[in-house]
Amino acid sequence: MEFAVLGSEEFVLGFRLAGIRRIYAVRPAEYEQKLLDLVSDPTIGILAINAADLSKTSPNSRKKAMESISPVVVPVGGEEGDLREKVKRAIGVDLYKTERD
């Protein structure tokens, strides 16, 4: 399973420079369809997307992406919640949990 990134040219640039190979730079008009295509791709394990772009998709597409188990869709940036929740959602384990929680 691979790591993939979807977004605008500006969003994917840093990931490209970091050596991520599965980069999908799309125009806003193509974003939602490409998101649905990638959520259905069995070769992708984690899909990083821009939280701001996700908020512009239809409620059905957003729900499908956020409830996807494989790949795990990880919104980056924006007001999508704190790091603890993102890690918990991405790997399924609360790494910050203590015995008192």
Protein backbone atom coordinates (compact mmCIF):
# COMPACT_ATOMS: atom_id res chain seq x y z
CA MET A 1 0.00 0.00 0.00
CA GLU A 2 1.24 3.42 -0.90
CA PHE A 3 0.98 6.97 0.37
CA ALA A 4 -0.75 9.37 -2.03
CA VAL A 5 -1.48 13.10 -2.03
CA LEU A 6 -4.33 14.94 -3.75
CA GLY A 7 -4.70 18.68 -4.14
CA SER A 8 -3.68 21.80 -5.96
CA GLU A 9 -0.17 22.30 -7.35
CA GLU A 10 0.67 24.47 -4.33
CA PHE A 11 -0.55 21.85 -1.86
CA VAL A 12 1.25 18.88 -3.39
CA LEU A 13 4.56 20.69 -3.96
CA GLY A 14 6.00 19.96 -0.51
CA PHE A 15 5.04 16.30 -0.74
CA ARG A 16 6.64 16.08 -4.17
CA LEU A 17 9.86 17.59 -2.80
CA ALA A 18 9.77 15.07 0.06
CA GLY A 19 9.85 12.24 -2.48
CA ILE A 20 6.24 11.08 -2.46
CA ARG A 21 5.64 9.43 -5.82
CA ARG A 22 1.83 9.23 -5.97
CA ILE A 23 1.01 12.90 -6.40
CA TYR A 24 -2.26 14.03 -7.95
CA ALA A 25 -2.37 17.76 -8.70
CA VAL A 26 -5.82 18.63 -9.99
CA ARG A 27 -7.86 21.70 -10.81
CA PRO A 28 -10.81 22.50 -8.51
CA ALA A 29 -13.32 21.28 -11.11
CA GLU A 30 -11.68 17.83 -11.18
CA TYR A 31 -11.04 17.49 -7.45
CA GLU A 32 -14.18 15.72 -6.27
CA GLN A 33 -14.15 13.03 -8.97
CA LYS A 34 -10.45 12.36 -8.44
CA LEU A 35 -11.04 12.08 -4.68
CA LEU A 36 -13.72 9.45 -5.25
CA ASP A 37 -11.46 7.58 -7.68
CA LEU A 38 -8.57 7.52 -5.20
CA VAL A 39 -10.77 6.45 -2.28
CA SER A 40 -11.68 3.42 -4.39
CA ASP A 41 -8.05 2.59 -5.29
CA PRO A 42 -6.96 -0.57 -3.41
CA THR A 43 -3.25 0.23 -3.85
CA ILE A 44 -3.42 3.37 -1.68
CA GLY A 45 -3.09 2.98 2.09
CA ILE A 46 -3.06 6.64 3.14
CA LEU A 47 -4.41 9.58 1.15
CA ALA A 48 -3.41 13.07 2.29
CA ILE A 49 -5.69 15.88 1.17
CA ASN A 50 -6.09 19.56 1.93
CA ALA A 51 -8.80 20.08 4.56
CA ALA A 52 -9.94 23.25 2.78
CA ASP A 53 -10.46 21.33 -0.46
CA LEU A 54 -12.42 18.63 1.34
CA SER A 55 -14.82 21.22 2.76
CA LYS A 56 -15.73 22.25 -0.80
CA THR A 57 -16.91 18.78 -1.84
CA SER A 58 -20.47 17.50 -1.62
CA PRO A 59 -21.62 16.05 1.71
CA ASN A 60 -21.83 12.55 0.21
CA SER A 61 -18.29 12.66 -1.16
CA ARG A 62 -16.98 14.11 2.09
CA LYS A 63 -18.68 11.36 4.10
CA LYS A 64 -17.35 8.63 1.80
CA ALA A 65 -13.81 9.99 2.11
CA MET A 66 -13.87 10.46 5.88
CA GLU A 67 -15.40 7.04 6.55
CA SER A 68 -12.98 5.24 4.26
CA ILE A 69 -10.92 2.60 6.02
CA SER A 70 -8.64 1.77 3.13
CA PRO A 71 -7.28 4.17 2.19
CA VAL A 72 -7.31 6.25 5.35
CA VAL A 73 -8.00 9.82 4.27
CA VAL A 74 -6.03 12.35 6.31
CA PRO A 75 -7.03 16.00 5.91
CA VAL A 76 -4.03 18.29 6.37
CA GLY A 77 -4.32 21.87 7.60
CA GLY A 78 -7.44 23.84 8.33
CA GLU A 79 -9.73 23.29 11.28
CA GLU A 80 -9.99 19.51 11.00
CA GLY A 81 -9.12 18.88 14.66
CA ASP A 82 -6.03 18.36 16.72
CA LEU A 83 -3.07 16.11 16.01
CA ARG A 84 -4.22 13.50 18.52
CA GLU A 85 -7.46 12.90 16.63
CA LYS A 86 -5.69 12.78 13.26
CA VAL A 87 -3.21 10.17 14.47
CA LYS A 88 -5.96 8.14 16.12
CA ARG A 89 -8.02 8.16 12.94
CA ALA A 90 -5.07 7.36 10.68
CA ILE A 91 -3.74 4.36 12.59
CA GLY A 92 -6.73 3.35 14.69
CA VAL A 93 -4.93 3.67 18.02
CA ASP A 94 -4.81 6.53 20.50
CA LEU A 95 -1.06 6.84 21.04
CA TYR A 96 -1.56 9.57 23.62
CA LYS A 97 -3.93 7.57 25.81
CA THR A 98 -2.83 6.94 29.36
CA GLU A 99 -4.21 4.52 31.88
CA ARG A 100 -6.11 7.42 33.48
CA ASP A 101 -8.00 8.28 30.23
